[in-house]
Amino acid sequence: MTKTFGCLPDLCVSKALLNTLAIAILLAAILALTLARDLWDFFIELGLHSMFTLWVGLASVLSICTVNRFYSPQTIQRATLTIIGIVLLFTLIASWVGMALVNPGGSLDLFFVLRNVLISLIITVSMLRYFYIQGKWEASVEADSNAKYEALQSRMRPHFLFNSLNTVAFLVHKDPDTAEDAILDLADIMRTTLDKRTRISLQEELDVTMRYLRLEALRLGKRRLTVVWDFDKNTLPFDMEILPLILQPLAENAIYHGIQPRKDGGTLTVSLYDAGDHLAVTVTNPLPPEGISTHQKGNHIAQENMKNRLQLAYGGRANLQIQKMPQQYRVSFSIPKE
C-alpha cells in the first residue's frame, strides 16, 4: 500500500519529481515576468529564479520523502506543519546561498529573505489545500465506486442452487460418487460467491466456471449440453489477476437463455486468447427456437451489469461486445493485464 504523508500523495515516485520540476519552472517564469524589464532581462531572471525554485522544490520533496520513511504524523495538522517547516528551511538556506553568490560579503537583505519566505509559504499552503481537497474527492469517488461495484457484484441466480440440490438428491442413491463430486463442486462455487476479494487469478475463475458447467451438465444431460474449451494451455496467463465471477455469469447466461430452451440443447464454446497486453474472452451459444420465451429482459440486465462492472474496474481499457448472428449468440470482452 502506498505510504502518504498527511494529505500529500506518494512523493517517492518519479512522477512526483517531474511534477515538482514543472511547478518550480512555472513559478520561476511567473517571477521572472513580474521583474524583467526586457527579453534579455527575462532570461537572466528566469535562470536565477529557476535555480532557486528547483533547489527548494527538489530538496523539499526528497526530504519529505526521506522523513516519511521514518515518521508518520498522526494528524493532518502535524503533517502540514512538518511540510511547511521543511519547505521554509530550504527557502532560508537557498536565500542565504543566493545572497552569498550574488553579493559576497554584503549585508543581509532582510526584505529579500522575507519575500522568499512569504512566497514559499503561500505556494506551499495552496498546494497542501489542493492536495487535501483532491484527496477528499478521490476518496469520495473510490467509496462511491466500491459501493457500486459491490452492488453490481455478480451472484448466481437462486434457481441454480435449487436445481443443483435437486440434481444431487437424485444422484445420491443412483450414483453416490458422482453425487459426492457434485456436492464438492457446489461447495467450491458457493465459496467463490462469498469471497470478498476484488481480484482472483484467471485459474481460479476457470476452475469455478468448469465446476459450474459440470453441475449443469449433470442437470441437463451430456446430450443437451456440450462444452468446448478453446485456449492454449502453454500461453494462457493463468496467474493473471481478474475480476471474480466474470466468466461464469456469461456461461450461465448462455445456458439459461440459449441452450436450456432448446429441446436438443446445444454447444457452448468458451474461447480465451492471450493478446499480449490484454486477455480476450468469447462465449458463444446457439440461439433458442423462435417463439420461445427466454427471459430476454433478464439477459439484458445481466449484460448491462457486466458492462458496468468492467467500466468500474478497468474504465475505457475494457469493453464488452455482443453479436447476434443467424444461428449463434456471441458475447466477448477484453481486459488489460494489470
Protein backbone atom coordinates (compact mmCIF):
# COMPACT_ATOMS: atom_id res chain seq x y z
CA MET A 1 0.00 0.00 0.00
CA THR A 2 1.25 3.49 -0.92
CA LYS A 3 2.51 5.38 2.10
CA THR A 4 1.45 9.02 2.15
CA PHE A 5 2.50 11.98 4.25
CA GLY A 6 -0.57 13.74 5.62
CA CYS A 7 -2.75 14.75 2.69
CA LEU A 8 0.11 14.55 0.21
CA PRO A 9 0.30 11.76 -2.38
CA ASP A 10 3.31 9.45 -2.55
CA LEU A 11 6.32 11.67 -3.26
CA CYS A 12 8.80 8.81 -3.60
CA VAL A 13 8.00 8.22 -7.27
CA SER A 14 9.38 9.72 -10.47
CA LYS A 15 6.04 11.33 -11.32
CA ALA A 16 6.19 13.45 -8.16
CA LEU A 17 9.67 14.70 -9.08
CA LEU A 18 8.55 15.58 -12.61
CA ASN A 19 5.54 17.47 -11.24
CA THR A 20 7.82 19.33 -8.84
CA LEU A 21 10.11 20.30 -11.72
CA ALA A 22 7.18 21.60 -13.75
CA ILE A 23 5.73 23.64 -10.85
CA ALA A 24 9.15 25.08 -9.95
CA ILE A 25 9.87 26.18 -13.52
CA LEU A 26 6.37 27.66 -13.88
CA LEU A 27 6.81 29.63 -10.65
CA ALA A 28 10.24 30.84 -11.81
CA ALA A 29 8.74 32.01 -15.10
CA ILE A 30 5.98 33.93 -13.30
CA LEU A 31 8.50 35.65 -11.01
CA ALA A 32 10.76 36.45 -13.96
CA LEU A 33 7.88 38.02 -15.89
CA THR A 34 7.00 40.28 -12.96
CA LEU A 35 10.59 41.53 -12.50
CA ALA A 36 12.05 41.57 -16.02
CA ARG A 37 12.31 44.87 -17.93
CA ASP A 38 13.08 43.35 -21.34
CA LEU A 39 13.56 39.97 -23.05
CA TRP A 40 17.22 39.61 -22.13
CA ASP A 41 16.48 40.54 -18.55
CA PHE A 42 13.67 37.96 -18.53
CA PHE A 43 16.04 35.11 -19.41
CA ILE A 44 18.51 36.20 -16.75
CA GLU A 45 15.76 36.41 -14.13
CA LEU A 46 14.35 33.05 -15.32
CA GLY A 47 17.71 31.36 -14.87
CA LEU A 48 18.26 32.79 -11.39
CA HIS A 49 14.75 32.06 -10.17
CA SER A 50 14.79 28.57 -11.73
CA MET A 51 17.91 27.70 -9.76
CA PHE A 52 16.22 28.92 -6.60
CA THR A 53 12.80 27.27 -7.09
CA LEU A 54 14.22 23.99 -8.39
CA TRP A 55 16.63 23.70 -5.47
CA VAL A 56 13.94 24.44 -2.89
CA GLY A 57 11.34 22.23 -4.60
CA LEU A 58 13.52 19.16 -5.19
CA ALA A 59 15.26 19.40 -1.84
CA SER A 60 11.90 19.68 -0.06
CA VAL A 61 10.36 16.74 -1.93
CA LEU A 62 13.36 14.48 -1.34
CA SER A 63 13.49 15.48 2.33
CA ILE A 64 9.76 14.86 2.85
CA CYS A 65 10.14 11.51 1.11
CA THR A 66 13.04 10.60 3.40
CA VAL A 67 11.27 11.77 6.56
CA ASN A 68 8.18 9.79 5.53
CA ARG A 69 10.16 6.55 5.73
CA PHE A 70 10.79 7.03 9.44
CA TYR A 71 7.99 9.29 10.67
CA SER A 72 4.25 9.20 10.02
CA PRO A 73 2.33 12.14 11.53
CA GLN A 74 -0.79 11.11 13.41
CA THR A 75 -2.82 14.12 12.25
CA ILE A 76 -3.04 16.26 9.13
CA GLN A 77 -2.16 19.32 11.24
CA ARG A 78 1.18 17.81 12.29
CA ALA A 79 1.93 16.72 8.74
CA THR A 80 1.11 20.22 7.45
CA LEU A 81 3.39 21.91 9.99
CA THR A 82 6.20 19.45 9.22
CA ILE A 83 5.92 20.04 5.48
CA ILE A 84 5.79 23.83 5.87
CA GLY A 85 8.79 23.70 8.19
CA ILE A 86 10.85 21.68 5.69
CA VAL A 87 9.98 23.98 2.78
CA LEU A 88 10.70 27.17 4.74
CA LEU A 89 14.01 25.74 5.99
CA PHE A 90 15.24 25.12 2.45
CA THR A 91 13.87 28.52 1.39
CA LEU A 92 16.00 30.20 4.06
CA ILE A 93 19.07 28.18 3.08
CA ALA A 94 18.56 28.95 -0.63
CA SER A 95 18.06 32.65 0.14
CA TRP A 96 21.27 32.80 2.16
CA VAL A 97 23.24 30.94 -0.51
CA GLY A 98 21.77 33.16 -3.23
CA MET A 99 22.77 36.36 -1.43
CA ALA A 100 26.25 34.96 -0.80
CA LEU A 101 26.73 34.22 -4.50
CA VAL A 102 25.23 37.44 -5.88
CA ASN A 103 26.68 39.82 -3.26
CA PRO A 104 29.65 38.19 -1.47
CA GLY A 105 30.44 39.84 1.83
CA GLY A 106 27.34 42.05 1.69
CA SER A 107 24.87 42.60 4.49
CA LEU A 108 21.79 40.50 4.96
CA ASP A 109 18.90 41.65 2.76
CA LEU A 110 16.02 41.05 5.14
CA PHE A 111 13.36 42.07 2.59
CA PHE A 112 14.73 39.54 0.07
CA VAL A 113 14.56 36.76 2.66
CA LEU A 114 11.07 37.70 3.91
CA ARG A 115 9.78 37.91 0.33
CA ASN A 116 11.07 34.44 -0.47
CA VAL A 117 9.69 33.00 2.76
CA LEU A 118 6.27 34.57 2.14
CA ILE A 119 6.13 33.29 -1.46
CA SER A 120 7.15 29.78 -0.35
CA LEU A 121 4.57 29.84 2.44
CA ILE A 122 1.74 30.90 0.11
CA ILE A 123 2.68 28.34 -2.57
CA THR A 124 3.08 25.53 -0.01
CA VAL A 125 -0.22 26.24 1.77
CA SER A 126 -2.03 26.50 -1.57
CA MET A 127 -0.63 23.17 -2.75
CA LEU A 128 -1.45 21.45 0.53
CA ARG A 129 -5.01 22.76 0.31
CA TYR A 130 -5.25 21.49 -3.26
CA PHE A 131 -3.95 18.05 -2.30
CA TYR A 132 -6.34 17.92 0.65
CA ILE A 133 -9.39 18.71 -1.49
CA GLN A 134 -8.22 16.35 -4.22
CA GLY A 135 -7.67 13.58 -1.68
CA LYS A 136 -11.15 14.02 -0.26
CA TRP A 137 -12.64 13.96 -3.76
CA GLU A 138 -10.71 10.83 -4.76
CA ALA A 139 -11.75 9.10 -1.53
CA SER A 140 -15.37 10.00 -2.22
CA VAL A 141 -15.16 8.70 -5.80
CA GLU A 142 -13.46 5.49 -4.66
CA ALA A 143 -16.07 4.90 -1.95
CA ASP A 144 -18.85 5.50 -4.46
CA SER A 145 -17.21 3.16 -6.97
CA ASN A 146 -16.74 0.47 -4.32
CA ALA A 147 -20.39 0.76 -3.31
CA LYS A 148 -21.49 0.47 -6.93
CA TYR A 149 -19.11 -2.42 -7.51
CA GLU A 150 -20.43 -4.32 -4.52
CA ALA A 151 -23.99 -3.69 -5.68
CA LEU A 152 -23.11 -4.98 -9.14
CA GLN A 153 -21.03 -7.92 -7.93
CA SER A 154 -22.31 -10.94 -9.78
CA ARG A 155 -24.20 -13.52 -7.82
CA MET A 156 -25.57 -16.74 -9.22
CA ARG A 157 -29.29 -16.97 -9.69
CA PRO A 158 -31.14 -18.74 -6.86
CA HIS A 159 -32.55 -21.28 -9.32
CA PHE A 160 -29.05 -22.65 -9.87
CA LEU A 161 -28.69 -23.61 -6.20
CA PHE A 162 -32.12 -25.26 -6.09
CA ASN A 163 -31.52 -27.12 -9.36
CA SER A 164 -28.11 -28.31 -8.18
CA LEU A 165 -29.52 -29.59 -4.88
CA ASN A 166 -32.27 -31.44 -6.75
CA THR A 167 -29.66 -32.98 -9.02
CA VAL A 168 -27.56 -34.11 -6.05
CA ALA A 169 -30.65 -35.56 -4.32
CA PHE A 170 -31.43 -37.54 -7.46
CA LEU A 171 -27.86 -38.88 -7.70
CA VAL A 172 -27.39 -39.80 -4.04
CA HIS A 173 -28.87 -43.29 -4.43
CA LYS A 174 -28.26 -43.75 -8.16
CA ASP A 175 -24.59 -42.69 -8.32
CA PRO A 176 -23.15 -41.76 -4.88
CA ASP A 177 -19.65 -41.00 -6.22
CA THR A 178 -20.98 -38.53 -8.78
CA ALA A 179 -23.24 -37.02 -6.12
CA GLU A 180 -20.24 -36.50 -3.84
CA ASP A 181 -18.27 -34.80 -6.63
CA ALA A 182 -21.27 -32.58 -7.36
CA ILE A 183 -21.52 -31.52 -3.71
CA LEU A 184 -17.81 -30.61 -3.69
CA ASP A 185 -18.24 -28.60 -6.89
CA LEU A 186 -21.25 -26.78 -5.44
CA ALA A 187 -19.39 -26.02 -2.20
CA ASP A 188 -16.45 -24.56 -4.14
CA ILE A 189 -18.79 -22.41 -6.23
CA MET A 190 -20.59 -21.09 -3.16
CA ARG A 191 -17.25 -20.33 -1.53
CA THR A 192 -16.29 -18.21 -4.53
CA THR A 193 -19.56 -16.25 -4.46
CA LEU A 194 -18.92 -15.37 -0.80
CA ASP A 195 -15.30 -14.35 -1.42
CA LYS A 196 -14.78 -10.63 -0.75
CA ARG A 197 -11.64 -10.28 -2.86
CA THR A 198 -11.83 -7.81 -5.74
CA ARG A 199 -9.36 -9.80 -7.83
CA ILE A 200 -8.73 -13.51 -8.29
CA SER A 201 -6.46 -15.40 -10.67
CA LEU A 202 -7.64 -16.48 -14.08
CA GLN A 203 -7.04 -20.08 -12.99
CA GLU A 204 -9.49 -19.68 -10.10
CA GLU A 205 -12.14 -18.20 -12.39
CA LEU A 206 -11.66 -21.04 -14.88
CA ASP A 207 -11.94 -23.60 -12.06
CA VAL A 208 -15.24 -22.22 -10.75
CA THR A 209 -16.63 -21.96 -14.29
CA MET A 210 -15.68 -25.56 -15.05
CA ARG A 211 -17.29 -26.73 -11.82
CA TYR A 212 -20.44 -24.80 -12.68
CA LEU A 213 -20.58 -26.35 -16.15
CA ARG A 214 -20.09 -29.85 -14.72
CA LEU A 215 -23.12 -29.34 -12.47
CA GLU A 216 -25.19 -28.02 -15.36
CA ALA A 217 -24.14 -31.00 -17.48
CA LEU A 218 -25.46 -33.31 -14.76
CA ARG A 219 -28.76 -31.44 -14.71
CA LEU A 220 -29.30 -31.11 -18.46
CA GLY A 221 -27.54 -34.28 -19.52
CA LYS A 222 -24.46 -34.64 -21.70
CA ARG A 223 -26.58 -34.92 -24.84
CA ARG A 224 -28.13 -31.49 -24.28
CA LEU A 225 -25.00 -29.65 -23.14
CA THR A 226 -21.69 -29.87 -24.94
CA VAL A 227 -18.88 -27.62 -23.74
CA VAL A 228 -15.92 -26.75 -25.95
CA TRP A 229 -12.93 -25.02 -24.38
CA ASP A 230 -10.73 -23.16 -26.84
CA PHE A 231 -7.44 -21.93 -25.36
CA ASP A 232 -3.74 -22.71 -25.38
CA LYS A 233 -2.58 -24.09 -22.03
CA ASN A 234 1.03 -23.14 -22.84
CA THR A 235 0.39 -19.44 -23.44
CA LEU A 236 -2.66 -18.56 -21.35
CA PRO A 237 -1.71 -16.36 -18.33
CA PHE A 238 -3.34 -18.48 -15.62
CA ASP A 239 -1.87 -16.31 -12.84
CA MET A 240 -3.32 -13.08 -14.28
CA GLU A 241 -5.46 -11.18 -11.75
CA ILE A 242 -9.03 -10.57 -12.99
CA LEU A 243 -12.45 -9.68 -11.60
CA PRO A 244 -14.12 -12.57 -9.75
CA LEU A 245 -17.14 -14.17 -11.38
CA ILE A 246 -16.62 -12.50 -14.74
CA LEU A 247 -16.59 -15.60 -16.96
CA GLN A 248 -19.00 -17.85 -15.08
CA PRO A 249 -22.01 -15.47 -15.40
CA LEU A 250 -21.55 -15.40 -19.17
CA ALA A 251 -21.58 -19.20 -19.26
CA GLU A 252 -24.66 -19.18 -17.04
CA ASN A 253 -26.45 -16.73 -19.34
CA ALA A 254 -25.53 -18.80 -22.38
CA ILE A 255 -27.08 -21.92 -20.84
CA TYR A 256 -30.10 -20.23 -19.30
CA HIS A 257 -31.08 -18.15 -22.34
CA GLY A 258 -29.63 -20.12 -25.25
CA ILE A 259 -29.21 -23.83 -24.59
CA GLN A 260 -31.82 -24.72 -21.97
CA PRO A 261 -34.82 -23.58 -24.10
CA ARG A 262 -33.74 -25.91 -26.94
CA LYS A 263 -35.11 -29.44 -26.83
CA ASP A 264 -31.86 -30.85 -28.22
CA GLY A 265 -29.64 -28.47 -26.29
CA GLY A 266 -26.53 -27.19 -27.97
CA THR A 267 -22.84 -26.44 -27.79
CA LEU A 268 -21.32 -23.83 -25.54
CA THR A 269 -17.93 -22.58 -26.72
CA VAL A 270 -15.59 -20.68 -24.39
CA SER A 271 -12.53 -19.13 -26.04
CA LEU A 272 -9.67 -17.40 -24.25
CA TYR A 273 -6.77 -15.75 -26.03
CA ASP A 274 -3.64 -14.04 -24.73
CA ALA A 275 -3.41 -10.91 -26.88
CA GLY A 276 -0.21 -9.55 -25.36
CA ASP A 277 -1.28 -6.59 -23.27
CA HIS A 278 -4.80 -7.89 -22.69
CA LEU A 279 -6.87 -11.05 -22.38
CA ALA A 280 -9.64 -11.69 -24.91
CA VAL A 281 -12.60 -13.89 -23.92
CA THR A 282 -15.53 -15.06 -26.05
CA VAL A 283 -18.58 -17.12 -25.08
CA THR A 284 -20.73 -18.48 -27.92
CA ASN A 285 -24.04 -20.34 -27.70
CA PRO A 286 -26.86 -21.24 -30.12
CA LEU A 287 -29.97 -19.10 -30.31
CA PRO A 288 -33.17 -20.51 -28.81
CA PRO A 289 -36.02 -21.54 -31.11
CA GLU A 290 -38.24 -18.71 -32.29
CA GLY A 291 -41.36 -18.09 -30.28
CA ILE A 292 -39.97 -19.49 -27.02
CA SER A 293 -39.71 -17.13 -24.06
CA THR A 294 -36.07 -16.86 -22.95
CA HIS A 295 -36.29 -14.10 -20.33
CA GLN A 296 -34.54 -11.61 -22.63
CA LYS A 297 -35.11 -8.79 -20.14
CA GLY A 298 -33.10 -10.67 -17.53
CA ASN A 299 -30.40 -11.35 -20.09
CA HIS A 300 -30.09 -7.65 -20.95
CA ILE A 301 -29.88 -6.75 -17.24
CA ALA A 302 -27.09 -9.30 -16.73
CA GLN A 303 -25.17 -7.94 -19.71
CA GLU A 304 -25.59 -4.36 -18.53
CA ASN A 305 -24.38 -5.47 -15.11
CA MET A 306 -21.26 -6.93 -16.71
CA LYS A 307 -20.62 -3.74 -18.70
CA ASN A 308 -20.85 -1.66 -15.53
CA ARG A 309 -18.50 -3.97 -13.64
CA LEU A 310 -15.92 -3.76 -16.43
CA GLN A 311 -16.29 0.03 -16.57
CA LEU A 312 -15.83 0.45 -12.82
CA ALA A 313 -12.86 -1.91 -12.69
CA TYR A 314 -10.98 -1.01 -15.88
CA GLY A 315 -12.50 2.20 -17.26
CA GLY A 316 -12.06 2.56 -21.01
CA ARG A 317 -9.44 -0.19 -21.13
CA ALA A 318 -12.09 -2.93 -21.20
CA ASN A 319 -15.07 -3.50 -23.44
CA LEU A 320 -17.98 -5.88 -23.87
CA GLN A 321 -19.29 -6.70 -27.32
CA ILE A 322 -22.44 -8.62 -28.24
CA GLN A 323 -23.06 -10.20 -31.64
CA LYS A 324 -26.35 -11.80 -32.60
CA MET A 325 -25.86 -13.93 -35.71
CA PRO A 326 -28.43 -16.05 -37.61
CA GLN A 327 -27.72 -19.17 -35.57
CA GLN A 328 -25.45 -18.03 -32.75
CA TYR A 329 -25.21 -15.53 -29.94
CA ARG A 330 -21.73 -14.34 -29.03
CA VAL A 331 -20.54 -12.26 -26.09
CA SER A 332 -16.91 -11.19 -25.97
CA PHE A 333 -14.81 -8.91 -23.81
CA SER A 334 -11.18 -7.97 -23.35
CA ILE A 335 -9.48 -6.84 -20.16
CA PRO A 336 -5.99 -5.39 -19.69
CA LYS A 337 -3.25 -7.21 -17.87
CA GLU A 338 -2.51 -5.45 -14.58
